[in-house]
């Protein structure tokens, strides 16, 4: 019987290389689309986070007839015992278990410095609240006071949960009557918006209309637009703890100009405006003063929550006068965002 040889069909080396090249091209074409789809999903989640905060604001208003204060403190100088609206809103975003752990008689932010031994309180301020952070942000989700002021790190401060949606204090059109020194002018507060230090603003006080007035604006990501923030991630840097209630109420000495965690609309979003913090540290730390620009990892702008609960994307190129008008509750210029 005659043997018949059977030859298996196979790829030649050239054919294999062609196939690999085609697959590589397809991956290169598809990867940007996948990344864009993922960012679109993250943007949607970021918007939803602000909508949740907006719903919480209105539920708080229904219960108390005012919006929560921008920052709360019973001191007039170094406010170790203050807290921000991130605390007040907890029961309204399904975080009552965290809220109930708070000890309001100790330093809600500076717990380490007050020497608190309340472990429930520590557990509260170190909780990361997902609704308070943007999923597109590259920033770490906890604060970091490494080598703060040349001192040893504070373990509690180093692990506080941050928030990346900040209450709008107003614009520079309505500066605080306290006159800061020239070096602290970038920290000067505003009295034009919805959220003030120890404030008690209600819907009835927003004469321009809640649909025309910003309530919160995004302050996320670690280094947008080359702002050059340092890696310390402290409240003097690119992120702020959501429990922060840190401001100075008096108008003398170092007072009258501090309001960490509240945004004063002084520059368009994602612009490179900040000032070097004066502590002698290496590398130089940058300061998230009240007038630092809103920022995000989203291309082209930031998300903002308005007083009526609606969420809008604010372009980096928004007209600056319009931007400031949207930050003030009662300037008589009822500019519609749309």
C-alpha atoms as a PDB file:
ATOM      1  CA  UNK A   1       0.000   0.000   0.000  1.00  0.00           C
ATOM      2  CA  UNK A   2       1.257   3.397  -0.914  1.00  0.00           C
ATOM      3  CA  UNK A   3       1.906   5.800   1.977  1.00  0.00           C
ATOM      4  CA  UNK A   4       0.268   9.171   1.606  1.00  0.00           C
ATOM      5  CA  UNK A   5       2.003  11.964   3.499  1.00  0.00           C
ATOM      6  CA  UNK A   6      -0.246  14.455   5.204  1.00  0.00           C
ATOM      7  CA  UNK A   7       0.939  18.037   5.588  1.00  0.00           C
ATOM      8  CA  UNK A   8      -0.674  20.193   8.295  1.00  0.00           C
ATOM      9  CA  UNK A   9      -1.476  23.697   7.147  1.00  0.00           C
ATOM     10  CA  UNK A  10       0.468  26.273   9.229  1.00  0.00           C
ATOM     11  CA  UNK A  11       1.189  29.995   9.387  1.00  0.00           C
ATOM     12  CA  UNK A  12       4.404  31.163   7.971  1.00  0.00           C
ATOM     13  CA  UNK A  13       6.451  33.562  10.070  1.00  0.00           C
ATOM     14  CA  UNK A  14       5.441  36.484   7.881  1.00  0.00           C
ATOM     15  CA  UNK A  15       1.755  35.638   8.200  1.00  0.00           C
ATOM     16  CA  UNK A  16       2.102  35.385  11.977  1.00  0.00           C
ATOM     17  CA  UNK A  17       3.789  38.769  12.151  1.00  0.00           C
ATOM     18  CA  UNK A  18       1.040  40.301  10.012  1.00  0.00           C
ATOM     19  CA  UNK A  19      -1.641  38.909  12.325  1.00  0.00           C
ATOM     20  CA  UNK A  20       0.194  40.233  15.399  1.00  0.00           C
ATOM     21  CA  UNK A  21       0.513  43.642  13.750  1.00  0.00           C
ATOM     22  CA  UNK A  22      -3.208  43.725  12.946  1.00  0.00           C
ATOM     23  CA  UNK A  23      -4.105  42.810  16.542  1.00  0.00           C
ATOM     24  CA  UNK A  24      -1.769  45.524  17.849  1.00  0.00           C
ATOM     25  CA  UNK A  25      -3.401  48.112  15.588  1.00  0.00           C
ATOM     26  CA  UNK A  26      -6.879  47.056  16.711  1.00  0.00           C
ATOM     27  CA  UNK A  27      -5.859  47.313  20.374  1.00  0.00           C
ATOM     28  CA  UNK A  28      -4.388  50.753  19.752  1.00  0.00           C
ATOM     29  CA  UNK A  29      -7.647  51.832  18.129  1.00  0.00           C
ATOM     30  CA  UNK A  30      -9.876  50.340  20.803  1.00  0.00           C
ATOM     31  CA  UNK A  31      -7.917  51.386  23.894  1.00  0.00           C
ATOM     32  CA  UNK A  32      -8.819  55.104  23.712  1.00  0.00           C
ATOM     33  CA  UNK A  33     -12.456  54.174  23.258  1.00  0.00           C
ATOM     34  CA  UNK A  34     -12.333  51.925  26.324  1.00  0.00           C
ATOM     35  CA  UNK A  35     -10.625  54.654  28.338  1.00  0.00           C
ATOM     36  CA  UNK A  36     -13.200  57.197  27.209  1.00  0.00           C
ATOM     37  CA  UNK A  37     -16.011  54.855  28.187  1.00  0.00           C
ATOM     38  CA  UNK A  38     -14.481  54.364  31.616  1.00  0.00           C
ATOM     39  CA  UNK A  39     -14.034  58.110  32.112  1.00  0.00           C
ATOM     40  CA  UNK A  40     -17.632  58.676  30.993  1.00  0.00           C
ATOM     41  CA  UNK A  41     -18.736  56.238  33.687  1.00  0.00           C
ATOM     42  CA  UNK A  42     -16.561  57.993  36.265  1.00  0.00           C
ATOM     43  CA  UNK A  43     -17.963  61.386  35.258  1.00  0.00           C
ATOM     44  CA  UNK A  44     -21.460  60.022  35.700  1.00  0.00           C
ATOM     45  CA  UNK A  45     -20.555  58.758  39.174  1.00  0.00           C
ATOM     46  CA  UNK A  46     -19.006  62.117  40.046  1.00  0.00           C
ATOM     47  CA  UNK A  47     -22.194  63.882  38.966  1.00  0.00           C
ATOM     48  CA  UNK A  48     -24.260  61.421  40.992  1.00  0.00           C
ATOM     49  CA  UNK A  49     -22.116  62.081  44.075  1.00  0.00           C
ATOM     50  CA  UNK A  50     -22.975  65.764  43.854  1.00  0.00           C
ATOM     51  CA  UNK A  51     -26.644  64.980  43.275  1.00  0.00           C
ATOM     52  CA  UNK A  52     -26.595  62.893  46.444  1.00  0.00           C
ATOM     53  CA  UNK A  53     -25.031  65.806  48.332  1.00  0.00           C
ATOM     54  CA  UNK A  54     -27.690  68.090  46.868  1.00  0.00           C
ATOM     55  CA  UNK A  55     -30.478  65.818  48.076  1.00  0.00           C
ATOM     56  CA  UNK A  56     -28.843  65.695  51.501  1.00  0.00           C
ATOM     57  CA  UNK A  57     -28.652  69.498  51.584  1.00  0.00           C
ATOM     58  CA  UNK A  58     -32.356  69.837  50.969  1.00  0.00           C
ATOM     59  CA  UNK A  59     -33.247  67.150  53.480  1.00  0.00           C
ATOM     60  CA  UNK A  60     -31.086  68.993  56.021  1.00  0.00           C
ATOM     61  CA  UNK A  61     -32.837  72.238  55.089  1.00  0.00           C
ATOM     62  CA  UNK A  62     -36.253  70.619  55.550  1.00  0.00           C
ATOM     63  CA  UNK A  63     -35.228  69.553  59.049  1.00  0.00           C
ATOM     64  CA  UNK A  64     -33.418  72.730  60.156  1.00  0.00           C
ATOM     65  CA  UNK A  65     -34.876  75.447  57.863  1.00  0.00           C
ATOM     66  CA  UNK A  66     -31.319  76.500  56.912  1.00  0.00           C
ATOM     67  CA  UNK A  67     -28.401  75.004  55.045  1.00  0.00           C
ATOM     68  CA  UNK A  68     -25.569  73.679  57.228  1.00  0.00           C
ATOM     69  CA  UNK A  69     -22.888  76.223  58.129  1.00  0.00           C
ATOM     70  CA  UNK A  70     -19.875  76.248  55.844  1.00  0.00           C
ATOM     71  CA  UNK A  71     -17.680  75.623  58.876  1.00  0.00           C
ATOM     72  CA  UNK A  72     -18.559  75.555  62.549  1.00  0.00           C
ATOM     73  CA  UNK A  73     -16.362  76.619  65.426  1.00  0.00           C
ATOM     74  CA  UNK A  74     -16.923  77.893  68.958  1.00  0.00           C
ATOM     75  CA  UNK A  75     -13.523  79.548  69.046  1.00  0.00           C
ATOM     76  CA  UNK A  76     -12.299  82.873  67.745  1.00  0.00           C
ATOM     77  CA  UNK A  77      -8.701  81.974  67.062  1.00  0.00           C
ATOM     78  CA  UNK A  78      -7.240  78.499  66.651  1.00  0.00           C
ATOM     79  CA  UNK A  79     -10.376  76.429  65.953  1.00  0.00           C
ATOM     80  CA  UNK A  80      -9.508  72.960  67.153  1.00  0.00           C
ATOM     81  CA  UNK A  81     -13.139  72.099  67.748  1.00  0.00           C
ATOM     82  CA  UNK A  82     -14.750  72.984  64.452  1.00  0.00           C
ATOM     83  CA  UNK A  83     -16.391  70.793  61.856  1.00  0.00           C
ATOM     84  CA  UNK A  84     -17.583  71.241  58.298  1.00  0.00           C
ATOM     85  CA  UNK A  85     -20.861  70.462  56.516  1.00  0.00           C
ATOM     86  CA  UNK A  86     -19.438  67.093  55.581  1.00  0.00           C
ATOM     87  CA  UNK A  87     -20.259  66.119  59.164  1.00  0.00           C
ATOM     88  CA  UNK A  88     -23.737  67.635  59.246  1.00  0.00           C
ATOM     89  CA  UNK A  89     -24.757  65.904  56.026  1.00  0.00           C
ATOM     90  CA  UNK A  90     -23.753  62.398  57.126  1.00  0.00           C
ATOM     91  CA  UNK A  91     -27.212  61.355  58.414  1.00  0.00           C
ATOM     92  CA  UNK A  92     -28.716  62.382  55.082  1.00  0.00           C
ATOM     93  CA  UNK A  93     -26.375  60.314  52.894  1.00  0.00           C
ATOM     94  CA  UNK A  94     -26.963  57.065  54.761  1.00  0.00           C
ATOM     95  CA  UNK A  95     -23.915  57.544  57.007  1.00  0.00           C
ATOM     96  CA  UNK A  96     -25.677  58.021  60.339  1.00  0.00           C
ATOM     97  CA  UNK A  97     -23.506  55.296  61.859  1.00  0.00           C
ATOM     98  CA  UNK A  98     -20.431  57.467  61.207  1.00  0.00           C
ATOM     99  CA  UNK A  99     -22.170  60.613  62.453  1.00  0.00           C
ATOM    100  CA  UNK A 100     -23.146  58.910  65.707  1.00  0.00           C
ATOM    101  CA  UNK A 101     -19.491  58.194  66.467  1.00  0.00           C
ATOM    102  CA  UNK A 102     -18.603  61.884  66.516  1.00  0.00           C
ATOM    103  CA  UNK A 103     -17.672  63.489  69.796  1.00  0.00           C
ATOM    104  CA  UNK A 104     -18.451  67.165  69.266  1.00  0.00           C
ATOM    105  CA  UNK A 105     -16.724  68.167  72.496  1.00  0.00           C
ATOM    106  CA  UNK A 106     -13.317  67.221  71.127  1.00  0.00           C
ATOM    107  CA  UNK A 107     -11.434  68.387  68.064  1.00  0.00           C
ATOM    108  CA  UNK A 108     -13.292  66.917  65.134  1.00  0.00           C
ATOM    109  CA  UNK A 109     -10.349  67.485  62.844  1.00  0.00           C
ATOM    110  CA  UNK A 110      -7.342  67.993  65.097  1.00  0.00           C
ATOM    111  CA  UNK A 111      -8.154  65.038  67.314  1.00  0.00           C
ATOM    112  CA  UNK A 112      -4.491  64.185  67.736  1.00  0.00           C
ATOM    113  CA  UNK A 113      -3.596  67.649  68.994  1.00  0.00           C
ATOM    114  CA  UNK A 114      -6.404  67.661  71.529  1.00  0.00           C
ATOM    115  CA  UNK A 115      -5.182  64.337  72.832  1.00  0.00           C
ATOM    116  CA  UNK A 116      -8.499  62.551  72.337  1.00  0.00           C
ATOM    117  CA  UNK A 117      -8.733  58.930  73.396  1.00  0.00           C
ATOM    118  CA  UNK A 118     -12.246  58.525  71.983  1.00  0.00           C
ATOM    119  CA  UNK A 119     -11.744  55.645  69.582  1.00  0.00           C
ATOM    120  CA  UNK A 120     -15.236  56.030  68.132  1.00  0.00           C
ATOM    121  CA  UNK A 121     -14.445  59.609  67.239  1.00  0.00           C
ATOM    122  CA  UNK A 122     -11.164  58.593  65.641  1.00  0.00           C
ATOM    123  CA  UNK A 123     -12.952  55.880  63.687  1.00  0.00           C
ATOM    124  CA  UNK A 124     -15.400  58.477  62.401  1.00  0.00           C
ATOM    125  CA  UNK A 125     -12.918  61.025  61.095  1.00  0.00           C
ATOM    126  CA  UNK A 126     -10.762  58.363  59.468  1.00  0.00           C
ATOM    127  CA  UNK A 127     -13.684  56.887  57.533  1.00  0.00           C
ATOM    128  CA  UNK A 128     -13.507  57.345  53.770  1.00  0.00           C
ATOM    129  CA  UNK A 129     -16.930  58.432  52.491  1.00  0.00           C
ATOM    130  CA  UNK A 130     -17.263  57.315  48.838  1.00  0.00           C
ATOM    131  CA  UNK A 131     -19.831  60.021  48.045  1.00  0.00           C
ATOM    132  CA  UNK A 132     -17.315  62.681  49.032  1.00  0.00           C
ATOM    133  CA  UNK A 133     -14.616  61.740  46.515  1.00  0.00           C
ATOM    134  CA  UNK A 134     -14.461  61.854  42.730  1.00  0.00           C
ATOM    135  CA  UNK A 135     -13.723  58.488  41.067  1.00  0.00           C
ATOM    136  CA  UNK A 136     -11.668  60.237  38.363  1.00  0.00           C
ATOM    137  CA  UNK A 137      -9.355  61.833  40.904  1.00  0.00           C
ATOM    138  CA  UNK A 138      -5.801  60.576  41.234  1.00  0.00           C
ATOM    139  CA  UNK A 139      -5.474  62.014  44.743  1.00  0.00           C
ATOM    140  CA  UNK A 140      -5.110  59.688  47.710  1.00  0.00           C
ATOM    141  CA  UNK A 141      -8.349  59.291  49.662  1.00  0.00           C
ATOM    142  CA  UNK A 142      -6.776  60.174  52.997  1.00  0.00           C
ATOM    143  CA  UNK A 143      -5.002  63.286  54.222  1.00  0.00           C
ATOM    144  CA  UNK A 144      -1.311  63.169  54.970  1.00  0.00           C
ATOM    145  CA  UNK A 145       0.389  65.488  57.445  1.00  0.00           C
ATOM    146  CA  UNK A 146       3.790  63.910  57.056  1.00  0.00           C
ATOM    147  CA  UNK A 147       6.397  66.090  58.746  1.00  0.00           C
ATOM    148  CA  UNK A 148       3.707  68.728  59.320  1.00  0.00           C
ATOM    149  CA  UNK A 149       5.406  71.966  60.347  1.00  0.00           C
ATOM    150  CA  UNK A 150       8.675  70.130  60.850  1.00  0.00           C
ATOM    151  CA  UNK A 151       7.101  67.889  63.498  1.00  0.00           C
ATOM    152  CA  UNK A 152       6.712  64.143  63.574  1.00  0.00           C
ATOM    153  CA  UNK A 153       3.717  62.784  61.628  1.00  0.00           C
ATOM    154  CA  UNK A 154       0.391  62.691  63.454  1.00  0.00           C
ATOM    155  CA  UNK A 155      -1.061  59.206  62.959  1.00  0.00           C
ATOM    156  CA  UNK A 156      -4.695  60.288  63.167  1.00  0.00           C
ATOM    157  CA  UNK A 157      -4.297  63.285  60.902  1.00  0.00           C
ATOM    158  CA  UNK A 158      -2.432  61.132  58.421  1.00  0.00           C
ATOM    159  CA  UNK A 159      -5.435  58.883  57.892  1.00  0.00           C
ATOM    160  CA  UNK A 160      -8.439  61.216  57.811  1.00  0.00           C
ATOM    161  CA  UNK A 161     -10.863  60.722  54.960  1.00  0.00           C
ATOM    162  CA  UNK A 162     -10.875  63.606  52.491  1.00  0.00           C
ATOM    163  CA  UNK A 163     -13.589  65.238  50.445  1.00  0.00           C
ATOM    164  CA  UNK A 164     -13.347  66.631  46.960  1.00  0.00           C
ATOM    165  CA  UNK A 165     -16.577  68.637  46.729  1.00  0.00           C
ATOM    166  CA  UNK A 166     -16.295  71.948  48.550  1.00  0.00           C
ATOM    167  CA  UNK A 167     -18.995  74.402  49.657  1.00  0.00           C
ATOM    168  CA  UNK A 168     -18.940  77.699  47.793  1.00  0.00           C
ATOM    169  CA  UNK A 169     -18.392  80.616  50.159  1.00  0.00           C
ATOM    170  CA  UNK A 170     -19.021  83.195  47.452  1.00  0.00           C
ATOM    171  CA  UNK A 171     -16.849  85.190  45.069  1.00  0.00           C
ATOM    172  CA  UNK A 172     -14.212  87.848  45.492  1.00  0.00           C
ATOM    173  CA  UNK A 173     -16.908  90.403  44.621  1.00  0.00           C
ATOM    174  CA  UNK A 174     -18.011  90.170  48.279  1.00  0.00           C
ATOM    175  CA  UNK A 175     -14.844  89.895  50.379  1.00  0.00           C
ATOM    176  CA  UNK A 176     -14.909  89.392  54.129  1.00  0.00           C
ATOM    177  CA  UNK A 177     -14.756  92.683  56.083  1.00  0.00           C
ATOM    178  CA  UNK A 178     -11.703  91.323  57.901  1.00  0.00           C
ATOM    179  CA  UNK A 179      -8.605  92.769  56.297  1.00  0.00           C
ATOM    180  CA  UNK A 180      -5.825  90.189  56.098  1.00  0.00           C
ATOM    181  CA  UNK A 181      -2.200  91.052  55.707  1.00  0.00           C
ATOM    182  CA  UNK A 182      -0.921  91.266  52.158  1.00  0.00           C
ATOM    183  CA  UNK A 183       0.689  87.848  52.350  1.00  0.00           C
ATOM    184  CA  UNK A 184      -2.650  86.295  53.322  1.00  0.00           C
ATOM    185  CA  UNK A 185      -4.826  88.058  50.766  1.00  0.00           C
ATOM    186  CA  UNK A 186      -5.241  84.799  48.769  1.00  0.00           C
ATOM    187  CA  UNK A 187      -6.885  83.324  51.877  1.00  0.00           C
ATOM    188  CA  UNK A 188      -9.411  86.109  52.341  1.00  0.00           C
ATOM    189  CA  UNK A 189     -12.906  84.805  52.865  1.00  0.00           C
ATOM    190  CA  UNK A 190     -16.106  85.806  51.090  1.00  0.00           C
ATOM    191  CA  UNK A 191     -19.541  86.556  52.509  1.00  0.00           C
ATOM    192  CA  UNK A 192     -21.375  86.372  49.195  1.00  0.00           C
ATOM    193  CA  UNK A 193     -22.363  82.707  48.928  1.00  0.00           C
ATOM    194  CA  UNK A 194     -24.544  80.134  50.603  1.00  0.00           C
ATOM    195  CA  UNK A 195     -21.928  78.619  52.931  1.00  0.00           C
ATOM    196  CA  UNK A 196     -20.319  80.923  55.473  1.00  0.00           C
ATOM    197  CA  UNK A 197     -18.298  80.400  58.618  1.00  0.00           C
ATOM    198  CA  UNK A 198     -20.854  79.781  61.384  1.00  0.00           C
ATOM    199  CA  UNK A 199     -23.450  80.707  58.763  1.00  0.00           C
ATOM    200  CA  UNK A 200     -27.213  80.243  58.894  1.00  0.00           C
ATOM    201  CA  UNK A 201     -28.285  80.818  55.290  1.00  0.00           C
ATOM    202  CA  UNK A 202     -31.640  79.427  54.169  1.00  0.00           C
ATOM    203  CA  UNK A 203     -33.367  79.237  50.802  1.00  0.00           C
ATOM    204  CA  UNK A 204     -35.159  82.482  51.643  1.00  0.00           C
ATOM    205  CA  UNK A 205     -31.787  84.240  51.786  1.00  0.00           C
ATOM    206  CA  UNK A 206     -30.764  83.202  48.277  1.00  0.00           C
ATOM    207  CA  UNK A 207     -32.366  86.163  46.539  1.00  0.00           C
ATOM    208  CA  UNK A 208     -30.850  85.360  43.147  1.00  0.00           C
ATOM    209  CA  UNK A 209     -32.580  81.984  43.212  1.00  0.00           C
ATOM    210  CA  UNK A 210     -31.153  78.613  44.110  1.00  0.00           C
ATOM    211  CA  UNK A 211     -31.076  77.560  40.447  1.00  0.00           C
ATOM    212  CA  UNK A 212     -28.728  80.484  39.747  1.00  0.00           C
ATOM    213  CA  UNK A 213     -26.410  80.061  42.728  1.00  0.00           C
ATOM    214  CA  UNK A 214     -23.626  77.524  43.224  1.00  0.00           C
ATOM    215  CA  UNK A 215     -23.640  75.484  46.418  1.00  0.00           C
ATOM    216  CA  UNK A 216     -20.696  73.080  45.960  1.00  0.00           C
ATOM    217  CA  UNK A 217     -17.889  72.882  43.433  1.00  0.00           C
ATOM    218  CA  UNK A 218     -15.337  70.193  42.680  1.00  0.00           C
ATOM    219  CA  UNK A 219     -11.849  70.395  44.190  1.00  0.00           C
ATOM    220  CA  UNK A 220     -10.356  67.049  43.250  1.00  0.00           C
ATOM    221  CA  UNK A 221      -7.369  65.346  41.640  1.00  0.00           C
ATOM    222  CA  UNK A 222      -3.760  65.602  42.693  1.00  0.00           C
ATOM    223  CA  UNK A 223      -2.140  67.762  40.067  1.00  0.00           C
ATOM    224  CA  UNK A 224      -4.374  69.179  37.315  1.00  0.00           C
ATOM    225  CA  UNK A 225      -3.017  71.797  34.934  1.00  0.00           C
ATOM    226  CA  UNK A 226       0.461  71.559  36.408  1.00  0.00           C
ATOM    227  CA  UNK A 227      -0.500  73.234  39.657  1.00  0.00           C
ATOM    228  CA  UNK A 228       2.554  71.688  41.248  1.00  0.00           C
ATOM    229  CA  UNK A 229       1.138  70.612  44.590  1.00  0.00           C
ATOM    230  CA  UNK A 230       3.509  68.725  46.831  1.00  0.00           C
ATOM    231  CA  UNK A 231       3.012  65.072  47.849  1.00  0.00           C
ATOM    232  CA  UNK A 232       2.091  65.957  51.444  1.00  0.00           C
ATOM    233  CA  UNK A 233      -1.687  65.946  50.739  1.00  0.00           C
ATOM    234  CA  UNK A 234      -2.438  67.906  53.924  1.00  0.00           C
ATOM    235  CA  UNK A 235      -5.093  70.572  54.395  1.00  0.00           C
ATOM    236  CA  UNK A 236      -2.333  73.004  53.487  1.00  0.00           C
ATOM    237  CA  UNK A 237      -1.996  71.137  50.221  1.00  0.00           C
ATOM    238  CA  UNK A 238      -4.231  69.601  47.610  1.00  0.00           C
ATOM    239  CA  UNK A 239      -6.818  67.787  49.736  1.00  0.00           C
ATOM    240  CA  UNK A 240      -8.911  68.582  52.779  1.00  0.00           C
ATOM    241  CA  UNK A 241     -10.516  66.233  55.352  1.00  0.00           C
ATOM    242  CA  UNK A 242     -14.283  66.073  55.052  1.00  0.00           C
ATOM    243  CA  UNK A 243     -14.626  66.739  58.801  1.00  0.00           C
ATOM    244  CA  UNK A 244     -12.588  69.934  58.538  1.00  0.00           C
ATOM    245  CA  UNK A 245     -14.029  72.974  60.267  1.00  0.00           C
ATOM    246  CA  UNK A 246     -10.976  75.161  60.336  1.00  0.00           C
ATOM    247  CA  UNK A 247     -11.284  78.934  60.177  1.00  0.00           C
ATOM    248  CA  UNK A 248     -10.490  82.068  62.129  1.00  0.00           C
ATOM    249  CA  UNK A 249     -13.409  84.203  63.172  1.00  0.00           C
ATOM    250  CA  UNK A 250     -11.752  87.277  64.669  1.00  0.00           C
ATOM    251  CA  UNK A 251     -10.268  90.082  62.589  1.00  0.00           C
ATOM    252  CA  UNK A 252      -7.037  90.643  64.454  1.00  0.00           C
ATOM    253  CA  UNK A 253      -3.623  89.058  64.157  1.00  0.00           C
ATOM    254  CA  UNK A 254      -3.788  85.938  62.050  1.00  0.00           C
ATOM    255  CA  UNK A 255      -7.580  85.914  62.160  1.00  0.00           C
ATOM    256  CA  UNK A 256     -10.243  86.773  59.672  1.00  0.00           C
ATOM    257  CA  UNK A 257      -8.699  85.158  56.650  1.00  0.00           C
ATOM    258  CA  UNK A 258      -8.647  81.391  57.117  1.00  0.00           C
ATOM    259  CA  UNK A 259     -11.370  79.110  55.815  1.00  0.00           C
ATOM    260  CA  UNK A 260      -9.996  75.743  54.732  1.00  0.00           C
ATOM    261  CA  UNK A 261     -12.411  73.647  52.757  1.00  0.00           C
ATOM    262  CA  UNK A 262     -14.533  76.530  51.483  1.00  0.00           C
ATOM    263  CA  UNK A 263     -14.069  77.803  47.932  1.00  0.00           C
ATOM    264  CA  UNK A 264     -14.010  81.487  47.104  1.00  0.00           C
ATOM    265  CA  UNK A 265     -14.431  81.981  43.351  1.00  0.00           C
ATOM    266  CA  UNK A 266     -11.377  84.038  42.472  1.00  0.00           C
ATOM    267  CA  UNK A 267     -10.041  82.300  39.345  1.00  0.00           C
ATOM    268  CA  UNK A 268     -11.535  80.160  36.611  1.00  0.00           C
ATOM    269  CA  UNK A 269     -11.480  76.376  37.211  1.00  0.00           C
ATOM    270  CA  UNK A 270      -8.272  74.440  36.657  1.00  0.00           C
ATOM    271  CA  UNK A 271      -6.076  77.514  36.475  1.00  0.00           C
ATOM    272  CA  UNK A 272      -2.717  77.633  38.173  1.00  0.00           C
ATOM    273  CA  UNK A 273      -3.351  79.892  41.131  1.00  0.00           C
ATOM    274  CA  UNK A 274      -2.069  79.111  44.588  1.00  0.00           C
ATOM    275  CA  UNK A 275       0.588  80.496  46.873  1.00  0.00           C
ATOM    276  CA  UNK A 276       3.577  78.919  48.543  1.00  0.00           C
ATOM    277  CA  UNK A 277       2.947  78.057  52.168  1.00  0.00           C
ATOM    278  CA  UNK A 278       5.435  79.835  54.445  1.00  0.00           C
ATOM    279  CA  UNK A 279       6.625  76.863  56.503  1.00  0.00           C
ATOM    280  CA  UNK A 280      10.251  76.008  55.795  1.00  0.00           C
ATOM    281  CA  UNK A 281       9.884  72.547  54.375  1.00  0.00           C
ATOM    282  CA  UNK A 282      11.340  70.564  51.519  1.00  0.00           C
ATOM    283  CA  UNK A 283       9.918  70.204  48.991  1.00  0.00           C
ATOM    284  CA  UNK A 284       8.037  73.531  49.094  1.00  0.00           C
ATOM    285  CA  UNK A 285       4.416  72.909  49.979  1.00  0.00           C
ATOM    286  CA  UNK A 286       1.573  74.630  48.188  1.00  0.00           C
ATOM    287  CA  UNK A 287      -1.440  76.051  49.930  1.00  0.00           C
ATOM    288  CA  UNK A 288      -5.089  75.292  49.158  1.00  0.00           C
ATOM    289  CA  UNK A 289      -6.199  78.672  50.403  1.00  0.00           C
ATOM    290  CA  UNK A 290      -9.828  79.691  50.041  1.00  0.00           C
ATOM    291  CA  UNK A 291      -9.198  81.367  46.702  1.00  0.00           C
ATOM    292  CA  UNK A 292      -7.358  78.431  45.108  1.00  0.00           C
ATOM    293  CA  UNK A 293      -8.957  77.429  41.820  1.00  0.00           C
ATOM    294  CA  UNK A 294     -11.546  74.691  41.653  1.00  0.00           C
ATOM    295  CA  UNK A 295      -9.969  71.684  39.964  1.00  0.00           C
ATOM    296  CA  UNK A 296     -10.683  68.205  38.656  1.00  0.00           C
ATOM    297  CA  UNK A 297      -9.375  65.387  36.493  1.00  0.00           C
ATOM    298  CA  UNK A 298     -12.231  65.911  34.022  1.00  0.00           C
ATOM    299  CA  UNK A 299     -11.141  67.388  30.726  1.00  0.00           C
ATOM    300  CA  UNK A 300     -12.366  70.917  30.223  1.00  0.00           C
ATOM    301  CA  UNK A 301     -13.895  71.832  33.568  1.00  0.00           C
ATOM    302  CA  UNK A 302     -15.378  70.818  36.902  1.00  0.00           C
ATOM    303  CA  UNK A 303     -18.764  69.726  38.191  1.00  0.00           C
ATOM    304  CA  UNK A 304     -20.778  72.069  40.389  1.00  0.00           C
ATOM    305  CA  UNK A 305     -23.870  71.540  42.517  1.00  0.00           C
ATOM    306  CA  UNK A 306     -26.366  74.407  42.487  1.00  0.00           C
ATOM    307  CA  UNK A 307     -28.657  75.387  45.312  1.00  0.00           C
ATOM    308  CA  UNK A 308     -31.706  73.790  43.718  1.00  0.00           C
ATOM    309  CA  UNK A 309     -29.977  70.395  43.639  1.00  0.00           C
ATOM    310  CA  UNK A 310     -29.084  70.467  39.936  1.00  0.00           C
ATOM    311  CA  UNK A 311     -25.561  69.580  38.802  1.00  0.00           C
ATOM    312  CA  UNK A 312     -23.786  71.335  35.937  1.00  0.00           C
ATOM    313  CA  UNK A 313     -20.428  71.000  34.252  1.00  0.00           C
ATOM    314  CA  UNK A 314     -18.609  74.337  34.504  1.00  0.00           C
ATOM    315  CA  UNK A 315     -16.179  74.954  31.666  1.00  0.00           C
ATOM    316  CA  UNK A 316     -12.640  76.132  32.321  1.00  0.00           C
ATOM    317  CA  UNK A 317     -13.411  78.886  29.816  1.00  0.00           C
ATOM    318  CA  UNK A 318     -16.560  80.215  31.477  1.00  0.00           C
ATOM    319  CA  UNK A 319     -16.805  84.003  31.436  1.00  0.00           C
ATOM    320  CA  UNK A 320     -15.166  85.101  34.679  1.00  0.00           C
ATOM    321  CA  UNK A 321     -17.854  87.652  35.586  1.00  0.00           C
ATOM    322  CA  UNK A 322     -20.561  85.065  35.020  1.00  0.00           C
ATOM    323  CA  UNK A 323     -18.613  82.593  37.123  1.00  0.00           C
ATOM    324  CA  UNK A 324     -18.404  85.014  40.055  1.00  0.00           C
ATOM    325  CA  UNK A 325     -22.081  85.958  39.737  1.00  0.00           C
ATOM    326  CA  UNK A 326     -23.029  82.281  40.001  1.00  0.00           C
ATOM    327  CA  UNK A 327     -21.109  82.039  43.273  1.00  0.00           C
ATOM    328  CA  UNK A 328     -22.998  84.843  45.044  1.00  0.00           C
ATOM    329  CA  UNK A 329     -26.480  84.420  46.433  1.00  0.00           C
ATOM    330  CA  UNK A 330     -27.678  88.019  46.393  1.00  0.00           C
ATOM    331  CA  UNK A 331     -25.763  90.197  43.941  1.00  0.00           C
ATOM    332  CA  UNK A 332     -28.844  91.120  41.911  1.00  0.00           C
ATOM    333  CA  UNK A 333     -27.404  89.474  38.796  1.00  0.00           C
ATOM    334  CA  UNK A 334     -29.535  86.416  38.267  1.00  0.00           C
ATOM    335  CA  UNK A 335     -27.353  84.821  35.649  1.00  0.00           C
ATOM    336  CA  UNK A 336     -28.736  81.528  34.393  1.00  0.00           C
ATOM    337  CA  UNK A 337     -26.149  78.819  33.881  1.00  0.00           C
ATOM    338  CA  UNK A 338     -27.862  77.451  30.814  1.00  0.00           C
END
